[in-house]
Amino acid sequence: MSQKGRWSGERRWIAGPAALAAVCWLGTVLVFAPGFLSPDSLDQLRQAEGRTPLTDWHPPVLSLVWRALIAVTGSITSMLVLQSLVLWGALGVLAWAVGELTGRRAGSLAVLGLGLTPFVLTFAGVVWKDVHAAFALLAASAVAFTGLRVRDREVRPAARWALFGLGVLFLAYAMLVRKNAFLAALPVFVLLILALWRSPGRRGWVMCTAALAAGFVVPAAAISLFAQPVQTEQGAQIMLDDLVHVLTVDELRAADVPSPLRDRLVASARECDRTGALSDAYWACYQRPADGLRGDSDEITSLWLREMGGHVPGYLQYRLRLFATLLFETDYVYKAGITRNDLGIEVAHPQLEATLGTYVDGMAADLRWLFRGWFWLAVALVLSLRPGRGAFSMPVRALGVSSAAYILGYLPIMPATDFRYVYWPAIAGALGLLLLWLGRGTPPPRPAHPGVPAGRPLREHQPADTGCQ
């Protein structure tokens, strides 16, 4: 085949996955329109539309992005369009990069097909911070794979830094939208650097780390300074769970706190015991005052600090029990449509929503392990410890470490046992397994001479661009 014919075939192949990704993106928007909304989502929508004050109970950045999208488009569906575009755009880039690095078109299509698996599609159109964090991490991984594709080629340093900046943008957003996502973001950050520069020096690591820190701190400070979200002291919610599940009713009754709070704690412990609520006491059992946790947070924090030191065995048992529930009795695997609301928002296509529910719920019943935390934790540990020796050993390990860190990080702070807390590990774990399989027998790409595709033998050594040094 001539050089011209080969390039023409490659262009047609790139166009194929791109067209499939576009079709999947449009299908996702159609099925989920105007976006599936839970009470959390509706709360953030009200803040985005200015119906209620902006608060920090949920990440303000999500509401502010939604507000900007509504201002530009006039439609709340714009958030669904954007997050679906990030999902399928990231998968499309990953599919292209995998196809280019392995020469396996079937493997490239398999990567794209991950978006249609039930454990990914289930929340693809739900406006949740967990979904946004997962898609942002996936997009950062796609940028890293683009870096792998060009790492040993003659590329201008400005282009590498542009790719790095894009990856940092996604990582910073993931951390802004989900506080504990930094545990998952750090391995992807390391992957991003090593994918763009084969041998980054100490100065390069410092510069890249400073860029990530600035990408997170500057927007966070700007939001706090200019948007001024109402402080809700949401962190006390976790301490409330510990107090009402670790301390006995008699111990709570004797607690050195103001009597109204003491009465609420005692009533909450009794109600949680009566209903069997293992977590989320603030919503399930607590008699919430008008100001939520703001008036109680200082006393709850002080009580937690005084009491947990003397209840270490009970605290560890409670947290381990809750974590075991997340792993083995993972709940809420599908968010059906839109929660009833006073905004007049309903699912645009009920029959399509019902079809999606049948698909996800049916697969969750037949292949329950796909929706269990223990399975994705096991996958994460395998990928971390045995990433293989093929072309994708580095990204496979990064995805595994990212997934494991994210799941284990919930041990002390888990508010509930929902599948959305395992959503990123499920996406990363499935991608890691596929890459582990596709990378078998494919050696890592060698440094390429300008004009020579990566992987071909060189007659003389050509040093790689080390712009991060």
Protein backbone atom coordinates (compact mmCIF):
# COMPACT_ATOMS: atom_id res chain seq x y z
CA MET A 1 0.00 0.00 0.00
CA SER A 2 1.29 3.46 -0.85
CA GLN A 3 2.07 6.05 1.82
CA LYS A 4 -0.88 8.14 0.61
CA GLY A 5 -3.25 5.18 0.81
CA ARG A 6 -2.07 4.27 4.29
CA TRP A 7 -2.64 7.80 5.60
CA SER A 8 -6.06 7.87 3.94
CA GLY A 9 -6.99 4.61 5.69
CA GLU A 10 -5.80 5.92 9.05
CA ARG A 11 -7.90 9.06 8.64
CA ARG A 12 -10.96 6.96 7.83
CA TRP A 13 -10.30 4.82 10.90
CA ILE A 14 -10.01 7.87 13.16
CA ALA A 15 -13.26 9.19 11.73
CA GLY A 16 -15.06 5.93 12.57
CA PRO A 17 -14.59 5.96 16.38
CA ALA A 18 -15.15 9.72 16.39
CA ALA A 19 -18.51 9.26 14.66
CA LEU A 20 -19.46 6.43 17.04
CA ALA A 21 -18.54 8.58 20.05
CA ALA A 22 -20.69 11.41 18.68
CA VAL A 23 -23.65 9.07 18.22
CA CYS A 24 -23.25 7.74 21.78
CA TRP A 25 -23.03 11.29 23.11
CA LEU A 26 -26.27 12.27 21.36
CA GLY A 27 -27.95 9.06 22.56
CA THR A 28 -26.90 9.74 26.14
CA VAL A 29 -28.33 13.26 25.99
CA LEU A 30 -31.57 11.92 24.49
CA VAL A 31 -32.05 9.19 27.11
CA PHE A 32 -31.20 11.29 30.15
CA ALA A 33 -32.73 14.61 29.04
CA PRO A 34 -32.90 17.08 30.71
CA GLY A 35 -30.52 15.29 33.10
CA PHE A 36 -31.49 12.93 35.90
CA LEU A 37 -31.81 14.89 39.13
CA SER A 38 -31.78 13.71 42.75
CA PRO A 39 -32.58 15.99 45.71
CA ASP A 40 -28.88 16.93 45.77
CA SER A 41 -28.99 17.81 42.06
CA LEU A 42 -32.16 19.86 42.49
CA ASP A 43 -30.58 21.73 45.39
CA GLN A 44 -27.64 22.67 43.20
CA LEU A 45 -29.95 23.62 40.34
CA ARG A 46 -31.85 26.01 42.60
CA GLN A 47 -28.55 27.61 43.56
CA ALA A 48 -27.48 27.79 39.91
CA GLU A 49 -30.71 29.57 39.00
CA GLY A 50 -30.44 31.91 41.98
CA ARG A 51 -33.58 30.58 43.65
CA THR A 52 -31.66 29.83 46.84
CA PRO A 53 -28.35 31.18 48.17
CA LEU A 54 -25.13 29.49 47.10
CA THR A 55 -23.81 27.21 49.86
CA ASP A 56 -20.82 24.95 50.39
CA TRP A 57 -22.89 21.90 51.39
CA HIS A 58 -22.42 20.76 47.80
CA PRO A 59 -19.44 21.95 45.71
CA PRO A 60 -20.13 25.57 44.69
CA VAL A 61 -18.08 25.12 41.52
CA LEU A 62 -20.71 22.78 40.05
CA SER A 63 -23.53 25.25 40.68
CA LEU A 64 -21.45 28.10 39.27
CA VAL A 65 -20.59 26.18 36.10
CA TRP A 66 -24.26 25.27 35.72
CA ARG A 67 -25.21 28.93 36.24
CA ALA A 68 -22.82 29.98 33.48
CA LEU A 69 -24.17 27.32 31.12
CA ILE A 70 -27.75 28.38 31.77
CA ALA A 71 -26.80 32.03 31.19
CA VAL A 72 -25.29 31.13 27.81
CA THR A 73 -27.84 28.57 26.59
CA GLY A 74 -30.98 29.35 28.58
CA SER A 75 -31.45 25.61 29.24
CA ILE A 76 -30.77 23.39 32.26
CA THR A 77 -30.06 20.55 29.83
CA SER A 78 -26.76 22.24 29.03
CA MET A 79 -25.12 20.54 32.03
CA LEU A 80 -26.16 17.12 30.72
CA VAL A 81 -24.79 18.03 27.30
CA LEU A 82 -21.46 19.10 28.80
CA GLN A 83 -20.87 16.14 31.11
CA SER A 84 -21.88 13.67 28.39
CA LEU A 85 -19.49 15.41 26.01
CA VAL A 86 -16.64 15.02 28.52
CA LEU A 87 -17.43 11.31 28.97
CA TRP A 88 -17.62 10.39 25.30
CA GLY A 89 -14.91 12.82 24.28
CA ALA A 90 -12.53 11.22 26.79
CA LEU A 91 -13.46 7.71 25.69
CA GLY A 92 -13.06 8.73 22.04
CA VAL A 93 -9.55 10.09 22.66
CA LEU A 94 -8.62 6.98 24.65
CA ALA A 95 -9.94 4.74 21.87
CA TRP A 96 -7.88 6.65 19.28
CA ALA A 97 -4.72 6.54 21.40
CA VAL A 98 -5.06 2.83 22.18
CA GLY A 99 -5.64 2.06 18.52
CA GLU A 100 -2.58 4.08 17.51
CA LEU A 101 -0.33 2.55 20.18
CA THR A 102 -1.38 -1.08 19.64
CA GLY A 103 -2.64 -1.16 16.06
CA ARG A 104 -5.70 -3.08 17.30
CA ARG A 105 -8.90 -1.60 15.98
CA ALA A 106 -11.09 -4.04 17.88
CA GLY A 107 -9.38 -3.00 21.10
CA SER A 108 -9.97 0.62 20.24
CA LEU A 109 -13.69 -0.04 19.83
CA ALA A 110 -13.72 -1.98 23.10
CA VAL A 111 -12.41 1.09 24.93
CA LEU A 112 -15.19 3.16 23.41
CA GLY A 113 -17.71 0.49 24.38
CA LEU A 114 -16.91 0.95 28.07
CA GLY A 115 -19.34 3.84 28.08
CA LEU A 116 -22.21 1.47 27.26
CA THR A 117 -21.58 -0.95 30.12
CA PRO A 118 -24.33 -0.84 32.76
CA PHE A 119 -22.07 0.23 35.62
CA VAL A 120 -20.90 3.26 33.60
CA LEU A 121 -24.11 4.17 31.80
CA THR A 122 -26.17 4.02 34.99
CA PHE A 123 -25.05 7.48 36.17
CA ALA A 124 -23.78 8.94 32.88
CA GLY A 125 -26.53 11.56 32.79
CA VAL A 126 -27.07 12.12 36.50
CA VAL A 127 -25.95 15.58 37.62
CA TRP A 128 -23.88 14.56 40.63
CA LYS A 129 -20.53 15.72 41.94
CA ASP A 130 -19.38 12.09 41.99
CA VAL A 131 -20.10 11.78 38.26
CA HIS A 132 -18.35 15.06 37.47
CA ALA A 133 -15.28 14.00 39.43
CA ALA A 134 -15.17 10.62 37.67
CA PHE A 135 -15.51 12.12 34.18
CA ALA A 136 -12.89 14.78 34.92
CA LEU A 137 -10.43 12.10 36.07
CA LEU A 138 -11.22 10.08 32.94
CA ALA A 139 -10.60 13.14 30.77
CA ALA A 140 -7.26 13.74 32.51
CA SER A 141 -6.35 10.12 31.77
CA ALA A 142 -7.25 10.68 28.11
CA VAL A 143 -4.90 13.69 28.02
CA ALA A 144 -2.17 11.48 29.51
CA PHE A 145 -2.71 8.91 26.76
CA THR A 146 -2.38 11.66 24.19
CA GLY A 147 0.91 12.47 25.88
CA LEU A 148 2.01 8.85 25.56
CA ARG A 149 1.26 9.06 21.86
CA VAL A 150 3.51 12.09 21.33
CA ARG A 151 6.05 11.71 24.16
CA ASP A 152 8.94 10.51 22.02
CA ARG A 153 8.12 12.60 18.99
CA GLU A 154 9.43 15.93 17.82
CA VAL A 155 6.79 18.13 19.47
CA ARG A 156 7.26 21.72 20.51
CA PRO A 157 7.56 22.22 24.29
CA ALA A 158 4.64 24.65 24.15
CA ALA A 159 2.41 21.85 22.85
CA ARG A 160 3.43 19.55 25.69
CA TRP A 161 2.75 22.24 28.26
CA ALA A 162 -0.61 22.92 26.63
CA LEU A 163 -1.53 19.25 27.05
CA PHE A 164 -0.28 19.33 30.62
CA GLY A 165 -2.35 22.45 31.34
CA LEU A 166 -5.46 20.76 29.97
CA GLY A 167 -4.85 17.70 32.15
CA VAL A 168 -4.31 19.88 35.22
CA LEU A 169 -7.57 21.71 34.45
CA PHE A 170 -9.48 18.43 34.60
CA LEU A 171 -7.67 17.24 37.73
CA ALA A 172 -8.26 20.54 39.53
CA TYR A 173 -11.95 20.43 38.67
CA ALA A 174 -12.21 16.87 39.98
CA MET A 175 -10.74 18.00 43.31
CA LEU A 176 -12.91 21.11 43.45
CA VAL A 177 -16.09 19.17 42.79
CA ARG A 178 -15.32 16.26 45.12
CA LYS A 179 -13.20 17.04 48.18
CA ASN A 180 -11.70 13.57 48.58
CA ALA A 181 -10.93 13.19 44.86
CA PHE A 182 -7.36 14.37 45.48
CA LEU A 183 -6.57 10.79 46.55
CA ALA A 184 -7.60 9.59 43.10
CA ALA A 185 -6.13 12.57 41.29
CA LEU A 186 -2.53 12.22 42.50
CA PRO A 187 -1.74 8.93 40.66
CA VAL A 188 -3.32 10.33 37.48
CA PHE A 189 -1.22 13.48 37.94
CA VAL A 190 1.96 11.39 38.10
CA LEU A 191 0.80 9.48 35.01
CA LEU A 192 0.20 12.76 33.19
CA ILE A 193 3.76 13.98 33.83
CA LEU A 194 5.45 10.69 32.93
CA ALA A 195 3.31 10.39 29.82
CA LEU A 196 4.40 13.78 28.55
CA TRP A 197 8.07 13.67 29.59
CA ARG A 198 10.03 10.45 29.70
CA SER A 199 12.57 11.69 32.25
CA PRO A 200 11.27 14.72 34.14
CA GLY A 201 13.87 16.29 36.37
CA ARG A 202 13.48 17.62 39.90
CA ARG A 203 12.78 21.12 38.62
CA GLY A 204 10.13 19.75 36.31
CA TRP A 205 8.37 17.91 39.13
CA VAL A 206 8.36 21.07 41.23
CA MET A 207 6.98 23.17 38.39
CA CYS A 208 4.29 20.64 37.55
CA THR A 209 3.25 20.23 41.18
CA ALA A 210 3.07 23.99 41.62
CA ALA A 211 0.85 24.18 38.55
CA LEU A 212 -1.55 21.61 40.00
CA ALA A 213 -1.62 23.39 43.36
CA ALA A 214 -2.34 26.71 41.65
CA GLY A 215 -5.02 25.09 39.50
CA PHE A 216 -6.83 24.05 42.66
CA VAL A 217 -6.09 26.87 45.11
CA VAL A 218 -6.72 29.84 42.80
CA PRO A 219 -10.26 28.84 41.74
CA ALA A 220 -11.12 27.75 45.30
CA ALA A 221 -9.97 31.12 46.67
CA ALA A 222 -11.79 33.01 43.91
CA ILE A 223 -15.04 31.17 44.63
CA SER A 224 -14.71 31.85 48.33
CA LEU A 225 -13.85 35.52 47.78
CA PHE A 226 -16.27 36.50 45.02
CA ALA A 227 -19.15 33.99 45.16
CA GLN A 228 -19.06 33.85 48.98
CA PRO A 229 -21.02 30.60 49.47
CA VAL A 230 -22.81 30.24 52.80
CA GLN A 231 -20.74 28.12 55.20
CA THR A 232 -22.83 25.10 56.25
CA GLU A 233 -20.27 23.17 58.34
CA GLN A 234 -21.11 20.05 56.38
CA GLY A 235 -18.08 18.20 57.77
CA ALA A 236 -19.86 17.85 61.11
CA GLN A 237 -22.23 15.41 59.40
CA ILE A 238 -19.57 12.67 59.58
CA MET A 239 -18.90 13.37 63.27
CA LEU A 240 -22.63 13.25 63.97
CA ASP A 241 -22.76 9.76 62.47
CA ASP A 242 -19.91 8.62 64.71
CA LEU A 243 -21.46 10.08 67.87
CA VAL A 244 -24.93 8.59 67.50
CA HIS A 245 -23.64 5.17 66.42
CA VAL A 246 -20.64 4.77 68.74
CA LEU A 247 -21.85 6.32 72.00
CA THR A 248 -24.71 4.78 73.96
CA VAL A 249 -27.90 6.69 74.69
CA ASP A 250 -26.85 7.03 78.34
CA GLU A 251 -23.48 8.45 77.30
CA LEU A 252 -25.17 10.94 74.98
CA ARG A 253 -27.60 11.91 77.71
CA ALA A 254 -24.63 12.71 79.97
CA ALA A 255 -22.72 14.62 77.27
CA ASP A 256 -21.40 18.05 78.22
CA VAL A 257 -23.21 20.00 75.49
CA PRO A 258 -26.16 22.44 75.52
CA SER A 259 -29.38 20.69 76.40
CA PRO A 260 -31.14 21.28 73.02
CA LEU A 261 -28.27 19.59 71.18
CA ARG A 262 -28.09 16.83 73.80
CA ASP A 263 -31.79 16.12 73.31
CA ARG A 264 -31.35 16.00 69.54
CA LEU A 265 -28.43 13.58 69.84
CA VAL A 266 -30.34 11.26 72.15
CA ALA A 267 -33.42 11.34 69.90
CA SER A 268 -31.24 10.76 66.84
CA ALA A 269 -29.52 7.71 68.37
CA ARG A 270 -32.89 6.22 69.29
CA GLU A 271 -34.39 6.89 65.87
CA CYS A 272 -31.39 5.42 64.03
CA ASP A 273 -31.62 2.33 66.22
CA ARG A 274 -35.37 2.03 65.61
CA THR A 275 -35.09 2.35 61.83
CA GLY A 276 -31.83 0.46 61.47
CA ALA A 277 -30.16 3.46 59.79
CA LEU A 278 -26.44 2.66 59.78
CA SER A 279 -25.32 6.00 58.33
CA ASP A 280 -26.47 9.40 57.10
CA ALA A 281 -27.94 10.21 60.51
CA TYR A 282 -28.28 13.90 59.68
CA TRP A 283 -30.93 13.12 57.05
CA ALA A 284 -32.31 9.86 58.43
CA CYS A 285 -32.56 10.46 62.16
CA TYR A 286 -31.54 13.96 63.23
CA GLN A 287 -34.09 16.59 64.27
CA ARG A 288 -32.57 19.33 62.13
CA PRO A 289 -32.89 22.90 63.42
CA ALA A 290 -33.55 25.77 61.00
CA ASP A 291 -29.85 26.55 60.58
CA GLY A 292 -28.89 22.95 59.91
CA LEU A 293 -25.49 22.10 61.37
CA ARG A 294 -24.16 25.65 61.58
CA GLY A 295 -25.34 26.21 65.14
CA ASP A 296 -24.37 22.72 66.35
CA SER A 297 -21.11 22.12 64.48
CA ASP A 298 -18.71 23.54 67.06
CA GLU A 299 -20.27 21.58 69.91
CA ILE A 300 -20.48 18.40 67.81
CA THR A 301 -16.80 18.75 66.87
CA SER A 302 -15.74 19.36 70.46
CA LEU A 303 -17.77 16.41 71.71
CA TRP A 304 -16.35 14.16 68.98
CA LEU A 305 -12.78 15.13 69.90
CA ARG A 306 -13.42 14.47 73.59
CA GLU A 307 -15.26 11.18 73.21
CA MET A 308 -13.69 9.28 70.29
CA GLY A 309 -10.34 8.97 72.05
CA GLY A 310 -12.04 6.93 74.75
CA HIS A 311 -14.12 4.90 72.30
CA VAL A 312 -11.46 3.80 69.81
CA PRO A 313 -12.60 0.12 69.61
CA GLY A 314 -16.22 1.16 69.14
CA TYR A 315 -15.27 3.79 66.55
CA LEU A 316 -13.17 1.33 64.55
CA GLN A 317 -15.88 -1.32 64.68
CA TYR A 318 -18.51 1.13 63.45
CA ARG A 319 -16.37 2.46 60.62
CA LEU A 320 -15.32 -1.04 59.54
CA ARG A 321 -18.93 -2.20 59.59
CA LEU A 322 -20.01 0.75 57.46
CA PHE A 323 -17.13 0.19 55.05
CA ALA A 324 -18.00 -3.50 54.78
CA THR A 325 -21.54 -2.50 53.90
CA LEU A 326 -20.21 -0.32 51.08
CA LEU A 327 -18.13 -3.23 49.80
CA PHE A 328 -20.62 -6.08 50.10
CA GLU A 329 -24.08 -4.48 50.18
CA THR A 330 -23.47 -1.53 47.86
CA ASP A 331 -26.70 0.41 47.53
CA TYR A 332 -28.37 2.81 45.08
CA VAL A 333 -26.99 1.37 41.85
CA TYR A 334 -29.42 3.33 39.68
CA LYS A 335 -30.96 6.80 39.96
CA ALA A 336 -34.36 6.62 38.30
CA GLY A 337 -35.27 9.80 36.47
CA ILE A 338 -35.95 13.02 38.33
CA THR A 339 -37.05 13.29 41.94
CA ARG A 340 -40.46 14.91 42.32
CA ASN A 341 -39.96 18.64 42.63
CA ASP A 342 -41.70 22.02 42.71
CA LEU A 343 -39.82 23.30 39.66
CA GLY A 344 -41.96 21.46 37.13
CA ILE A 345 -38.99 19.44 35.81
CA GLU A 346 -39.74 15.97 34.47
CA VAL A 347 -37.95 13.38 32.37
CA ALA A 348 -38.26 14.28 28.70
CA HIS A 349 -38.57 10.71 27.42
CA PRO A 350 -40.11 8.38 30.06
CA GLN A 351 -40.03 5.31 27.83
CA LEU A 352 -36.31 5.68 27.22
CA GLU A 353 -35.75 6.19 30.95
CA ALA A 354 -37.72 3.00 31.66
CA THR A 355 -35.64 1.11 29.09
CA LEU A 356 -32.42 2.29 30.71
CA GLY A 357 -33.75 1.28 34.13
CA THR A 358 -34.60 -2.19 32.86
CA TYR A 359 -31.10 -2.57 31.41
CA VAL A 360 -29.24 -1.41 34.52
CA ASP A 361 -31.47 -3.09 37.11
CA GLY A 362 -31.52 -6.32 35.11
CA MET A 363 -27.75 -6.43 34.80
CA ALA A 364 -27.39 -5.51 38.48
CA ALA A 365 -29.55 -8.51 39.36
CA ASP A 366 -27.80 -10.95 37.00
CA LEU A 367 -24.22 -9.68 37.49
CA ARG A 368 -24.43 -8.27 40.98
CA TRP A 369 -20.66 -8.27 41.48
CA LEU A 370 -20.31 -5.53 38.85
CA PHE A 371 -22.09 -3.20 41.27
CA ARG A 372 -20.27 -4.21 44.43
CA GLY A 373 -17.47 -2.26 46.03
CA TRP A 374 -15.46 -5.37 46.91
CA PHE A 375 -15.11 -6.33 43.25
CA TRP A 376 -13.75 -2.96 42.15
CA LEU A 377 -11.45 -2.77 45.16
CA ALA A 378 -10.09 -6.21 44.25
CA VAL A 379 -9.61 -5.08 40.64
CA ALA A 380 -7.85 -1.93 41.84
CA LEU A 381 -5.43 -3.91 44.00
CA VAL A 382 -4.65 -6.35 41.19
CA LEU A 383 -3.97 -3.51 38.75
CA SER A 384 -1.78 -1.76 41.33
CA LEU A 385 0.31 -4.82 42.16
CA ARG A 386 0.33 -6.69 38.81
CA PRO A 387 0.07 -4.13 36.00
CA GLY A 388 1.80 -6.37 33.49
CA ARG A 389 4.87 -5.56 31.39
CA GLY A 390 3.26 -4.45 28.17
CA ALA A 391 2.81 -1.05 26.59
CA PHE A 392 0.28 0.09 29.20
CA SER A 393 1.85 -1.07 32.45
CA MET A 394 2.33 2.51 33.69
CA PRO A 395 -1.26 3.73 33.07
CA VAL A 396 -2.67 0.42 34.32
CA ARG A 397 -0.86 0.84 37.64
CA ALA A 398 -1.86 4.50 37.88
CA LEU A 399 -5.53 3.65 37.36
CA GLY A 400 -5.30 0.85 39.93
CA VAL A 401 -3.66 3.03 42.58
CA SER A 402 -6.13 5.83 41.88
CA SER A 403 -9.09 3.48 42.31
CA ALA A 404 -7.77 1.80 45.45
CA ALA A 405 -6.89 5.11 47.10
CA TYR A 406 -10.33 6.52 46.31
CA ILE A 407 -12.21 3.56 47.81
CA LEU A 408 -10.00 3.18 50.89
CA GLY A 409 -10.15 6.92 51.48
CA TYR A 410 -13.84 6.58 52.29
CA LEU A 411 -13.14 4.45 55.35
CA PRO A 412 -13.12 7.34 57.88
CA ILE A 413 -15.49 9.72 56.07
CA MET A 414 -18.12 7.62 54.29
CA PRO A 415 -21.58 9.21 54.70
CA ALA A 416 -23.55 6.40 53.01
CA THR A 417 -23.08 3.14 51.09
CA ASP A 418 -24.11 4.21 47.59
CA PHE A 419 -22.59 2.85 44.37
CA ARG A 420 -21.76 6.39 43.28
CA TYR A 421 -18.91 6.32 45.82
CA VAL A 422 -17.41 3.50 43.74
CA TYR A 423 -18.24 5.06 40.37
CA TRP A 424 -14.74 6.27 39.49
CA PRO A 425 -13.11 2.99 40.62
CA ALA A 426 -15.57 1.09 38.42
CA ILE A 427 -14.70 3.20 35.37
CA ALA A 428 -10.96 3.19 36.06
CA GLY A 429 -10.92 -0.50 36.97
CA ALA A 430 -12.74 -1.55 33.80
CA LEU A 431 -10.43 0.61 31.68
CA GLY A 432 -7.38 -0.76 33.49
CA LEU A 433 -8.43 -4.37 32.91
CA LEU A 434 -8.99 -3.69 29.23
CA LEU A 435 -5.62 -1.96 28.89
CA LEU A 436 -3.92 -4.83 30.71
CA TRP A 437 -5.35 -7.23 28.15
CA LEU A 438 -4.64 -5.04 25.13
CA GLY A 439 -1.09 -4.31 26.25
CA ARG A 440 -0.04 -7.96 26.36
CA GLY A 441 2.69 -8.63 23.82
CA THR A 442 2.93 -4.96 22.87
CA PRO A 443 6.28 -3.54 24.04
CA PRO A 444 6.46 0.02 25.36
CA PRO A 445 7.17 2.51 22.56
CA ARG A 446 10.81 3.39 22.02
CA PRO A 447 12.07 6.92 21.54
CA ALA A 448 11.38 7.85 17.93
CA HIS A 449 13.52 9.74 15.47
CA PRO A 450 11.76 12.78 13.99
CA GLY A 451 9.58 11.56 11.17
CA VAL A 452 9.77 7.91 12.26
CA PRO A 453 6.71 6.43 14.04
CA ALA A 454 7.31 5.47 17.66
CA GLY A 455 8.17 1.82 18.13
CA ARG A 456 10.37 1.45 15.01
CA PRO A 457 14.06 0.69 15.61
CA LEU A 458 16.44 3.62 15.39
CA ARG A 459 19.84 3.65 13.73
CA GLU A 460 21.15 6.29 16.10
CA HIS A 461 19.99 7.58 19.44
CA GLN A 462 17.79 10.66 19.37
CA PRO A 463 17.25 12.22 22.81
CA ALA A 464 13.64 12.74 23.84
CA ASP A 465 12.22 16.19 24.52
CA THR A 466 12.62 16.80 28.24
CA GLY A 467 10.81 20.09 28.46
CA CYS A 468 9.69 19.38 32.05
CA GLN A 469 13.23 19.16 33.31
